Amino acid sequence: MAGSLLDRAFGILERLSTESSGMPLQAIADQMDIPKSAAHRLLGELAKLRYVRQDKDTGRYFLTTRLVSLGFRFLAETGIVDVSQPILDELARQTRELVRLSVTDGETLTWVAKAQGALSGLRYDPDMGRETALFCSASGFAWLSTLSDEDALALVMKQGFGKLNEYGPNAPRTVPALLEHLKQTRERGYSVAIDTYMEGMAAMATPVRHPVTGRVLGVVSIAGPTPRLSEAKLASFADALMATAAELSEASLGSAYLADVWFRGDDEKVEKRAAK
């Protein structure tokens, strides 16, 4: 793996984040395509900074919760959860399914808040803080549908379509298939994803826009097990989902982070704001 020390260090952290049972030094070096000695030095520095730890008995390296702590601290400062949680809780209560909020972050979407409405039976509950797979998730479809086809495809091509067996059996694997999902999402006003992101999981999502500028701040979604959420069942949630998106839009002004999203990525507006 070519790149700077920072590239390598963050690459190691990202790799360890997918291995709850840890990884041995040689496996890290092999997967990162760097010399074992270089991997050892980087892991030593990351351990000093408390981002990784090494098990004394097995020698395996693990990610610590330090990054998680930083993430939670950041979310607490933004006020995102404070303004959105009561609204997400209400939609979860109405649908009795998992409700999530993701926010735009440059060229990606990241899940930052959730409310679990399922009181019993099968539950779908992914880890928070994950980057959304744009090409096959309900949240991804919803966000991409607000862009031109060209811009949407550029984002997907940059992120990639993933490995063949990494996502659900209905995940779109061609450009025409993806564009058809986006076309249907624009027509409905919300996306539908059944067995696309994950086999056995169904979801729907719609964008949340800035109440003044109309710029997309993020996406609100409903997800649950496919046996419980047919396309007709999802459609019955449409009004509640759209109402929640509108409420989140108005509430976004209560979060400095969300209210400011529309400036990010627009140099001209940032410069004008800075000049005030």
C-alpha atoms as a PDB file:
ATOM      1  CA  MET A   1       0.000   0.000   0.000  1.00  0.00           C
ATOM      2  CA  ALA A   2       1.605   3.192  -1.198  1.00  0.00           C
ATOM      3  CA  GLY A   3       1.103   6.440   0.621  1.00  0.00           C
ATOM      4  CA  SER A   4       2.254   8.571   3.480  1.00  0.00           C
ATOM      5  CA  LEU A   5       2.636   7.497   7.082  1.00  0.00           C
ATOM      6  CA  LEU A   6      -0.739   9.068   7.777  1.00  0.00           C
ATOM      7  CA  ASP A   7      -2.324   7.026   4.985  1.00  0.00           C
ATOM      8  CA  ARG A   8      -0.845   3.873   6.439  1.00  0.00           C
ATOM      9  CA  ALA A   9      -1.766   4.704  10.027  1.00  0.00           C
ATOM     10  CA  PHE A  10      -5.382   5.452   9.194  1.00  0.00           C
ATOM     11  CA  GLY A  11      -5.460   2.421   6.925  1.00  0.00           C
ATOM     12  CA  ILE A  12      -4.485   0.247   9.885  1.00  0.00           C
ATOM     13  CA  LEU A  13      -7.158   1.839  12.081  1.00  0.00           C
ATOM     14  CA  GLU A  14      -9.809   1.280   9.420  1.00  0.00           C
ATOM     15  CA  ARG A  15      -8.744  -2.330   8.974  1.00  0.00           C
ATOM     16  CA  LEU A  16      -8.791  -3.032  12.715  1.00  0.00           C
ATOM     17  CA  SER A  17     -12.265  -1.494  12.961  1.00  0.00           C
ATOM     18  CA  THR A  18     -13.617  -4.486  11.017  1.00  0.00           C
ATOM     19  CA  GLU A  19     -11.884  -7.108  13.175  1.00  0.00           C
ATOM     20  CA  SER A  20     -13.391  -7.386  16.652  1.00  0.00           C
ATOM     21  CA  SER A  21     -11.147 -10.370  17.395  1.00  0.00           C
ATOM     22  CA  GLY A  22      -8.021  -8.394  16.574  1.00  0.00           C
ATOM     23  CA  MET A  23      -5.267  -9.115  14.061  1.00  0.00           C
ATOM     24  CA  PRO A  24      -1.715 -10.450  14.264  1.00  0.00           C
ATOM     25  CA  LEU A  25       1.136  -8.241  13.100  1.00  0.00           C
ATOM     26  CA  GLN A  26       1.918 -10.290   9.991  1.00  0.00           C
ATOM     27  CA  ALA A  27      -1.694 -10.204   8.794  1.00  0.00           C
ATOM     28  CA  ILE A  28      -1.793  -6.422   9.201  1.00  0.00           C
ATOM     29  CA  ALA A  29       1.439  -6.030   7.252  1.00  0.00           C
ATOM     30  CA  ASP A  30       0.228  -8.350   4.495  1.00  0.00           C
ATOM     31  CA  GLN A  31      -3.188  -6.711   4.107  1.00  0.00           C
ATOM     32  CA  MET A  32      -1.742  -3.217   4.175  1.00  0.00           C
ATOM     33  CA  ASP A  33       1.018  -4.300   1.771  1.00  0.00           C
ATOM     34  CA  ILE A  34       3.782  -2.807   3.892  1.00  0.00           C
ATOM     35  CA  PRO A  35       6.911  -4.344   5.458  1.00  0.00           C
ATOM     36  CA  LYS A  36       6.393  -6.083   8.781  1.00  0.00           C
ATOM     37  CA  SER A  37       8.926  -3.767  10.445  1.00  0.00           C
ATOM     38  CA  ALA A  38       7.054  -0.672   9.226  1.00  0.00           C
ATOM     39  CA  ALA A  39       3.742  -2.077  10.454  1.00  0.00           C
ATOM     40  CA  HIS A  40       5.315  -2.793  13.842  1.00  0.00           C
ATOM     41  CA  ARG A  41       6.587   0.783  14.165  1.00  0.00           C
ATOM     42  CA  LEU A  42       3.223   2.270  13.211  1.00  0.00           C
ATOM     43  CA  LEU A  43       1.348   0.011  15.622  1.00  0.00           C
ATOM     44  CA  GLY A  44       3.784   0.990  18.348  1.00  0.00           C
ATOM     45  CA  GLU A  45       3.067   4.680  17.788  1.00  0.00           C
ATOM     46  CA  LEU A  46      -0.689   4.082  17.636  1.00  0.00           C
ATOM     47  CA  ALA A  47      -0.453   2.115  20.874  1.00  0.00           C
ATOM     48  CA  LYS A  48       1.397   5.005  22.552  1.00  0.00           C
ATOM     49  CA  LEU A  49      -1.445   7.291  21.479  1.00  0.00           C
ATOM     50  CA  ARG A  50      -3.955   4.715  22.834  1.00  0.00           C
ATOM     51  CA  TYR A  51      -5.706   4.116  19.506  1.00  0.00           C
ATOM     52  CA  VAL A  52      -4.697   0.444  19.460  1.00  0.00           C
ATOM     53  CA  ARG A  53      -3.665  -2.087  22.075  1.00  0.00           C
ATOM     54  CA  GLN A  54      -1.802  -5.384  21.902  1.00  0.00           C
ATOM     55  CA  ASP A  55      -2.984  -8.445  23.767  1.00  0.00           C
ATOM     56  CA  LYS A  56      -0.113  -9.726  25.891  1.00  0.00           C
ATOM     57  CA  ASP A  57      -1.108 -13.379  25.565  1.00  0.00           C
ATOM     58  CA  THR A  58      -1.863 -13.622  21.839  1.00  0.00           C
ATOM     59  CA  GLY A  59       0.105 -10.700  20.447  1.00  0.00           C
ATOM     60  CA  ARG A  60      -2.914  -9.642  18.414  1.00  0.00           C
ATOM     61  CA  TYR A  61      -3.661  -5.949  17.919  1.00  0.00           C
ATOM     62  CA  PHE A  62      -7.057  -4.441  18.692  1.00  0.00           C
ATOM     63  CA  LEU A  63      -8.668  -1.085  18.102  1.00  0.00           C
ATOM     64  CA  THR A  64      -9.425   0.742  21.359  1.00  0.00           C
ATOM     65  CA  THR A  65     -12.515   2.839  22.064  1.00  0.00           C
ATOM     66  CA  ARG A  66     -10.536   6.092  21.852  1.00  0.00           C
ATOM     67  CA  LEU A  67     -11.782   6.853  18.329  1.00  0.00           C
ATOM     68  CA  VAL A  68     -15.337   6.035  19.392  1.00  0.00           C
ATOM     69  CA  SER A  69     -14.965   8.413  22.320  1.00  0.00           C
ATOM     70  CA  LEU A  70     -13.805  11.181  20.010  1.00  0.00           C
ATOM     71  CA  GLY A  71     -16.758  10.565  17.728  1.00  0.00           C
ATOM     72  CA  PHE A  72     -19.276  10.690  20.561  1.00  0.00           C
ATOM     73  CA  ARG A  73     -17.649  13.827  21.914  1.00  0.00           C
ATOM     74  CA  PHE A  74     -17.942  15.464  18.506  1.00  0.00           C
ATOM     75  CA  LEU A  75     -21.606  14.462  18.150  1.00  0.00           C
ATOM     76  CA  ALA A  76     -22.344  15.850  21.602  1.00  0.00           C
ATOM     77  CA  GLU A  77     -20.821  19.184  20.607  1.00  0.00           C
ATOM     78  CA  THR A  78     -22.751  19.381  17.319  1.00  0.00           C
ATOM     79  CA  GLY A  79     -26.139  19.034  18.987  1.00  0.00           C
ATOM     80  CA  ILE A  80     -27.309  16.625  16.257  1.00  0.00           C
ATOM     81  CA  VAL A  81     -28.598  13.996  18.664  1.00  0.00           C
ATOM     82  CA  ASP A  82     -30.207  16.578  20.959  1.00  0.00           C
ATOM     83  CA  VAL A  83     -32.423  18.011  18.225  1.00  0.00           C
ATOM     84  CA  SER A  84     -33.113  14.808  16.306  1.00  0.00           C
ATOM     85  CA  GLN A  85     -33.586  12.116  18.952  1.00  0.00           C
ATOM     86  CA  PRO A  86     -37.146  12.993  20.076  1.00  0.00           C
ATOM     87  CA  ILE A  87     -38.260  13.136  16.432  1.00  0.00           C
ATOM     88  CA  LEU A  88     -36.630   9.801  15.578  1.00  0.00           C
ATOM     89  CA  ASP A  89     -38.116   8.254  18.726  1.00  0.00           C
ATOM     90  CA  GLU A  90     -41.621   9.258  17.633  1.00  0.00           C
ATOM     91  CA  LEU A  91     -41.256   7.737  14.151  1.00  0.00           C
ATOM     92  CA  ALA A  92     -39.849   4.549  15.702  1.00  0.00           C
ATOM     93  CA  ARG A  93     -42.841   4.436  18.029  1.00  0.00           C
ATOM     94  CA  GLN A  94     -45.252   4.783  15.106  1.00  0.00           C
ATOM     95  CA  THR A  95     -43.585   2.202  12.856  1.00  0.00           C
ATOM     96  CA  ARG A  96     -42.113  -0.127  15.510  1.00  0.00           C
ATOM     97  CA  GLU A  97     -39.012  -0.433  13.355  1.00  0.00           C
ATOM     98  CA  LEU A  98     -35.469   0.924  13.367  1.00  0.00           C
ATOM     99  CA  VAL A  99     -35.258   4.600  12.426  1.00  0.00           C
ATOM    100  CA  ARG A 100     -31.928   6.203  11.588  1.00  0.00           C
ATOM    101  CA  LEU A 101     -30.548   9.601  10.676  1.00  0.00           C
ATOM    102  CA  SER A 102     -27.484   9.971   8.484  1.00  0.00           C
ATOM    103  CA  VAL A 103     -25.777  13.260   7.664  1.00  0.00           C
ATOM    104  CA  THR A 104     -23.861  14.317   4.601  1.00  0.00           C
ATOM    105  CA  ASP A 105     -20.138  14.521   5.147  1.00  0.00           C
ATOM    106  CA  GLY A 106     -18.363  15.623   2.004  1.00  0.00           C
ATOM    107  CA  GLU A 107     -18.928  12.817  -0.508  1.00  0.00           C
ATOM    108  CA  THR A 108     -20.379  10.335   1.977  1.00  0.00           C
ATOM    109  CA  LEU A 109     -23.290   9.720   4.321  1.00  0.00           C
ATOM    110  CA  THR A 110     -22.678   8.667   7.912  1.00  0.00           C
ATOM    111  CA  TRP A 111     -25.268   7.263  10.328  1.00  0.00           C
ATOM    112  CA  VAL A 112     -25.215   9.376  13.479  1.00  0.00           C
ATOM    113  CA  ALA A 113     -28.470   8.755  15.376  1.00  0.00           C
ATOM    114  CA  LYS A 114     -31.075   6.031  15.701  1.00  0.00           C
ATOM    115  CA  ALA A 115     -34.219   4.929  17.515  1.00  0.00           C
ATOM    116  CA  GLN A 116     -35.273   1.281  17.825  1.00  0.00           C
ATOM    117  CA  GLY A 117     -39.017   0.759  17.652  1.00  0.00           C
ATOM    118  CA  ALA A 118     -39.121  -3.045  17.534  1.00  0.00           C
ATOM    119  CA  LEU A 119     -40.053  -4.240  21.005  1.00  0.00           C
ATOM    120  CA  SER A 120     -39.725  -7.958  20.267  1.00  0.00           C
ATOM    121  CA  GLY A 121     -39.008 -10.412  17.486  1.00  0.00           C
ATOM    122  CA  LEU A 122     -36.425  -9.830  14.775  1.00  0.00           C
ATOM    123  CA  ARG A 123     -34.442  -6.619  15.050  1.00  0.00           C
ATOM    124  CA  TYR A 124     -32.128  -4.954  12.575  1.00  0.00           C
ATOM    125  CA  ASP A 125     -29.618  -2.741  14.349  1.00  0.00           C
ATOM    126  CA  PRO A 126     -26.342  -1.869  12.563  1.00  0.00           C
ATOM    127  CA  ASP A 127     -23.411  -0.150  14.204  1.00  0.00           C
ATOM    128  CA  MET A 128     -23.561   3.619  14.192  1.00  0.00           C
ATOM    129  CA  GLY A 129     -20.852   5.775  12.676  1.00  0.00           C
ATOM    130  CA  ARG A 130     -20.528   3.611   9.593  1.00  0.00           C
ATOM    131  CA  GLU A 131     -20.177   5.146   6.159  1.00  0.00           C
ATOM    132  CA  THR A 132     -23.245   4.330   4.060  1.00  0.00           C
ATOM    133  CA  ALA A 133     -22.858   2.163   0.959  1.00  0.00           C
ATOM    134  CA  LEU A 134     -24.372   4.571  -1.546  1.00  0.00           C
ATOM    135  CA  PHE A 135     -25.079   2.163  -4.396  1.00  0.00           C
ATOM    136  CA  CYS A 136     -27.281  -0.310  -2.511  1.00  0.00           C
ATOM    137  CA  SER A 137     -28.718   1.268   0.653  1.00  0.00           C
ATOM    138  CA  ALA A 138     -32.032   3.068   1.022  1.00  0.00           C
ATOM    139  CA  SER A 139     -30.187   6.070   2.468  1.00  0.00           C
ATOM    140  CA  GLY A 140     -27.755   6.033  -0.442  1.00  0.00           C
ATOM    141  CA  PHE A 141     -30.553   5.865  -3.012  1.00  0.00           C
ATOM    142  CA  ALA A 142     -32.359   8.749  -1.310  1.00  0.00           C
ATOM    143  CA  TRP A 143     -29.318  11.020  -1.297  1.00  0.00           C
ATOM    144  CA  LEU A 144     -28.178  10.130  -4.813  1.00  0.00           C
ATOM    145  CA  SER A 145     -31.680  10.818  -6.138  1.00  0.00           C
ATOM    146  CA  THR A 146     -31.254  14.499  -5.226  1.00  0.00           C
ATOM    147  CA  LEU A 147     -28.235  14.749  -7.533  1.00  0.00           C
ATOM    148  CA  SER A 148     -27.942  14.595 -11.292  1.00  0.00           C
ATOM    149  CA  ASP A 149     -27.313  11.108 -12.681  1.00  0.00           C
ATOM    150  CA  GLU A 150     -23.783  12.179 -13.614  1.00  0.00           C
ATOM    151  CA  ASP A 151     -22.945  13.447 -10.125  1.00  0.00           C
ATOM    152  CA  ALA A 152     -24.568  10.427  -8.484  1.00  0.00           C
ATOM    153  CA  LEU A 153     -22.573   7.996 -10.616  1.00  0.00           C
ATOM    154  CA  ALA A 154     -19.352   9.897  -9.912  1.00  0.00           C
ATOM    155  CA  LEU A 155     -19.860   9.411  -6.155  1.00  0.00           C
ATOM    156  CA  VAL A 156     -20.708   5.729  -6.559  1.00  0.00           C
ATOM    157  CA  MET A 157     -17.729   5.070  -8.815  1.00  0.00           C
ATOM    158  CA  LYS A 158     -15.440   6.714  -6.283  1.00  0.00           C
ATOM    159  CA  GLN A 159     -16.822   4.587  -3.434  1.00  0.00           C
ATOM    160  CA  GLY A 160     -17.217   1.463  -5.550  1.00  0.00           C
ATOM    161  CA  PHE A 161     -19.861  -1.227  -5.960  1.00  0.00           C
ATOM    162  CA  GLY A 162     -18.338  -3.498  -3.337  1.00  0.00           C
ATOM    163  CA  LYS A 163     -17.463  -7.175  -3.623  1.00  0.00           C
ATOM    164  CA  LEU A 164     -19.953  -9.531  -5.249  1.00  0.00           C
ATOM    165  CA  ASN A 165     -21.091 -11.251  -2.033  1.00  0.00           C
ATOM    166  CA  GLU A 166     -20.575  -8.288   0.287  1.00  0.00           C
ATOM    167  CA  TYR A 167     -24.119  -6.918   0.050  1.00  0.00           C
ATOM    168  CA  GLY A 168     -27.640  -8.217  -0.578  1.00  0.00           C
ATOM    169  CA  PRO A 169     -28.644 -10.320  -3.600  1.00  0.00           C
ATOM    170  CA  ASN A 170     -30.762  -7.491  -5.061  1.00  0.00           C
ATOM    171  CA  ALA A 171     -27.993  -4.875  -4.896  1.00  0.00           C
ATOM    172  CA  PRO A 172     -27.718  -3.093  -8.264  1.00  0.00           C
ATOM    173  CA  ARG A 173     -24.528  -4.164 -10.008  1.00  0.00           C
ATOM    174  CA  THR A 174     -24.804  -2.146 -13.208  1.00  0.00           C
ATOM    175  CA  VAL A 175     -25.211   1.533 -13.973  1.00  0.00           C
ATOM    176  CA  PRO A 176     -28.664   1.075 -15.592  1.00  0.00           C
ATOM    177  CA  ALA A 177     -29.907  -0.880 -12.548  1.00  0.00           C
ATOM    178  CA  LEU A 178     -28.704   1.840 -10.175  1.00  0.00           C
ATOM    179  CA  LEU A 179     -30.215   4.614 -12.300  1.00  0.00           C
ATOM    180  CA  GLU A 180     -33.555   2.788 -12.277  1.00  0.00           C
ATOM    181  CA  HIS A 181     -33.515   2.825  -8.446  1.00  0.00           C
ATOM    182  CA  LEU A 182     -32.825   6.569  -8.507  1.00  0.00           C
ATOM    183  CA  LYS A 183     -35.594   7.177 -11.065  1.00  0.00           C
ATOM    184  CA  GLN A 184     -38.139   5.353  -8.916  1.00  0.00           C
ATOM    185  CA  THR A 185     -36.947   7.200  -5.808  1.00  0.00           C
ATOM    186  CA  ARG A 186     -37.461  10.577  -7.484  1.00  0.00           C
ATOM    187  CA  GLU A 187     -40.947   9.579  -8.611  1.00  0.00           C
ATOM    188  CA  ARG A 188     -42.023   8.354  -5.142  1.00  0.00           C
ATOM    189  CA  GLY A 189     -40.179  10.934  -3.056  1.00  0.00           C
ATOM    190  CA  TYR A 190     -38.572   8.158  -1.024  1.00  0.00           C
ATOM    191  CA  SER A 191     -36.388   5.140  -1.732  1.00  0.00           C
ATOM    192  CA  VAL A 192     -37.164   1.462  -1.271  1.00  0.00           C
ATOM    193  CA  ALA A 193     -34.402  -1.108  -0.763  1.00  0.00           C
ATOM    194  CA  ILE A 194     -35.368  -4.745  -0.265  1.00  0.00           C
ATOM    195  CA  ASP A 195     -32.532  -7.282   0.044  1.00  0.00           C
ATOM    196  CA  THR A 196     -30.116  -4.795  -1.531  1.00  0.00           C
ATOM    197  CA  TYR A 197     -27.955  -3.608   1.363  1.00  0.00           C
ATOM    198  CA  MET A 198     -28.300  -6.868   3.255  1.00  0.00           C
ATOM    199  CA  GLU A 199     -30.181 -10.081   2.599  1.00  0.00           C
ATOM    200  CA  GLY A 200     -33.263 -10.235   4.787  1.00  0.00           C
ATOM    201  CA  MET A 201     -33.392  -6.463   5.347  1.00  0.00           C
ATOM    202  CA  ALA A 202     -35.838  -3.944   3.872  1.00  0.00           C
ATOM    203  CA  ALA A 203     -35.660  -0.169   4.201  1.00  0.00           C
ATOM    204  CA  MET A 204     -36.979   3.132   2.939  1.00  0.00           C
ATOM    205  CA  ALA A 205     -35.491   6.614   3.184  1.00  0.00           C
ATOM    206  CA  THR A 206     -36.023  10.234   2.208  1.00  0.00           C
ATOM    207  CA  PRO A 207     -33.756  13.306   2.234  1.00  0.00           C
ATOM    208  CA  VAL A 208     -33.767  15.943   4.965  1.00  0.00           C
ATOM    209  CA  ARG A 209     -33.242  19.418   3.540  1.00  0.00           C
ATOM    210  CA  HIS A 210     -32.194  22.757   4.992  1.00  0.00           C
ATOM    211  CA  PRO A 211     -35.426  24.709   5.684  1.00  0.00           C
ATOM    212  CA  VAL A 212     -34.093  27.871   4.016  1.00  0.00           C
ATOM    213  CA  THR A 213     -31.737  26.780   1.236  1.00  0.00           C
ATOM    214  CA  GLY A 214     -33.211  23.385   0.383  1.00  0.00           C
ATOM    215  CA  ARG A 215     -29.758  21.831   0.439  1.00  0.00           C
ATOM    216  CA  VAL A 216     -29.650  18.207   1.582  1.00  0.00           C
ATOM    217  CA  LEU A 217     -28.482  17.882   5.198  1.00  0.00           C
ATOM    218  CA  GLY A 218     -28.898  14.132   5.515  1.00  0.00           C
ATOM    219  CA  VAL A 219     -31.339  11.265   5.194  1.00  0.00           C
ATOM    220  CA  VAL A 220     -33.891   9.700   7.534  1.00  0.00           C
ATOM    221  CA  SER A 221     -34.691   6.008   7.070  1.00  0.00           C
ATOM    222  CA  ILE A 222     -36.834   3.147   8.369  1.00  0.00           C
ATOM    223  CA  ALA A 223     -35.439  -0.394   8.295  1.00  0.00           C
ATOM    224  CA  GLY A 224     -36.366  -3.853   9.473  1.00  0.00           C
ATOM    225  CA  PRO A 225     -36.517  -7.536   8.529  1.00  0.00           C
ATOM    226  CA  THR A 226     -37.829  -8.292   5.036  1.00  0.00           C
ATOM    227  CA  PRO A 227     -40.471 -10.792   6.280  1.00  0.00           C
ATOM    228  CA  ARG A 228     -42.048  -7.937   8.242  1.00  0.00           C
ATOM    229  CA  LEU A 229     -41.575  -5.127   5.735  1.00  0.00           C
ATOM    230  CA  SER A 230     -43.081  -5.792   2.330  1.00  0.00           C
ATOM    231  CA  GLU A 231     -43.101  -3.024  -0.264  1.00  0.00           C
ATOM    232  CA  ALA A 232     -46.753  -2.387   0.581  1.00  0.00           C
ATOM    233  CA  LYS A 233     -45.935  -2.113   4.288  1.00  0.00           C
ATOM    234  CA  LEU A 234     -43.156   0.344   3.559  1.00  0.00           C
ATOM    235  CA  ALA A 235     -45.539   2.398   1.439  1.00  0.00           C
ATOM    236  CA  SER A 236     -47.900   2.647   4.409  1.00  0.00           C
ATOM    237  CA  PHE A 237     -45.104   4.409   6.321  1.00  0.00           C
ATOM    238  CA  ALA A 238     -44.491   6.984   3.580  1.00  0.00           C
ATOM    239  CA  ASP A 239     -46.557   9.835   5.052  1.00  0.00           C
ATOM    240  CA  ALA A 240     -44.999   9.411   8.492  1.00  0.00           C
ATOM    241  CA  LEU A 241     -41.492   9.275   6.992  1.00  0.00           C
ATOM    242  CA  MET A 242     -42.028  12.429   4.943  1.00  0.00           C
ATOM    243  CA  ALA A 243     -43.514  14.259   7.940  1.00  0.00           C
ATOM    244  CA  THR A 244     -40.479  13.271  10.024  1.00  0.00           C
ATOM    245  CA  ALA A 245     -38.111  14.592   7.353  1.00  0.00           C
ATOM    246  CA  ALA A 246     -39.976  17.910   7.377  1.00  0.00           C
ATOM    247  CA  GLU A 247     -39.806  18.075  11.169  1.00  0.00           C
ATOM    248  CA  LEU A 248     -36.089  17.290  11.166  1.00  0.00           C
ATOM    249  CA  SER A 249     -35.616  20.016   8.579  1.00  0.00           C
ATOM    250  CA  GLU A 250     -37.172  22.630  10.843  1.00  0.00           C
ATOM    251  CA  ALA A 251     -35.361  21.293  13.918  1.00  0.00           C
ATOM    252  CA  SER A 252     -31.990  21.402  12.141  1.00  0.00           C
ATOM    253  CA  LEU A 253     -31.692  25.099  12.933  1.00  0.00           C
ATOM    254  CA  GLY A 254     -31.270  24.061  16.566  1.00  0.00           C
ATOM    255  CA  SER A 255     -27.964  22.351  15.746  1.00  0.00           C
ATOM    256  CA  ALA A 256     -25.055  24.565  14.760  1.00  0.00           C
ATOM    257  CA  TYR A 257     -23.582  21.662  12.796  1.00  0.00           C
ATOM    258  CA  LEU A 258     -26.730  20.878  10.782  1.00  0.00           C
ATOM    259  CA  ALA A 259     -27.641  24.499  10.231  1.00  0.00           C
ATOM    260  CA  ASP A 260     -24.163  25.053   8.819  1.00  0.00           C
ATOM    261  CA  VAL A 261     -24.075  22.031   6.484  1.00  0.00           C
ATOM    262  CA  TRP A 262     -25.196  24.048   3.502  1.00  0.00           C
ATOM    263  CA  PHE A 263     -21.985  26.103   3.667  1.00  0.00           C
ATOM    264  CA  ARG A 264     -19.710  23.081   3.488  1.00  0.00           C
ATOM    265  CA  GLY A 265     -18.348  22.284   0.070  1.00  0.00           C
ATOM    266  CA  ASP A 266     -19.287  25.731  -1.293  1.00  0.00           C
ATOM    267  CA  ASP A 267     -16.185  27.915  -1.194  1.00  0.00           C
ATOM    268  CA  GLU A 268     -17.981  31.052  -2.344  1.00  0.00           C
ATOM    269  CA  LYS A 269     -20.526  30.901   0.493  1.00  0.00           C
ATOM    270  CA  VAL A 270     -17.844  30.063   3.020  1.00  0.00           C
ATOM    271  CA  GLU A 271     -15.801  33.080   1.940  1.00  0.00           C
ATOM    272  CA  LYS A 272     -18.853  35.353   2.129  1.00  0.00           C
ATOM    273  CA  ARG A 273     -19.713  34.020   5.580  1.00  0.00           C
ATOM    274  CA  ALA A 274     -16.142  34.496   6.802  1.00  0.00           C
ATOM    275  CA  ALA A 275     -16.152  38.075   5.566  1.00  0.00           C
ATOM    276  CA  LYS A 276     -19.206  38.982   7.649  1.00  0.00           C
END
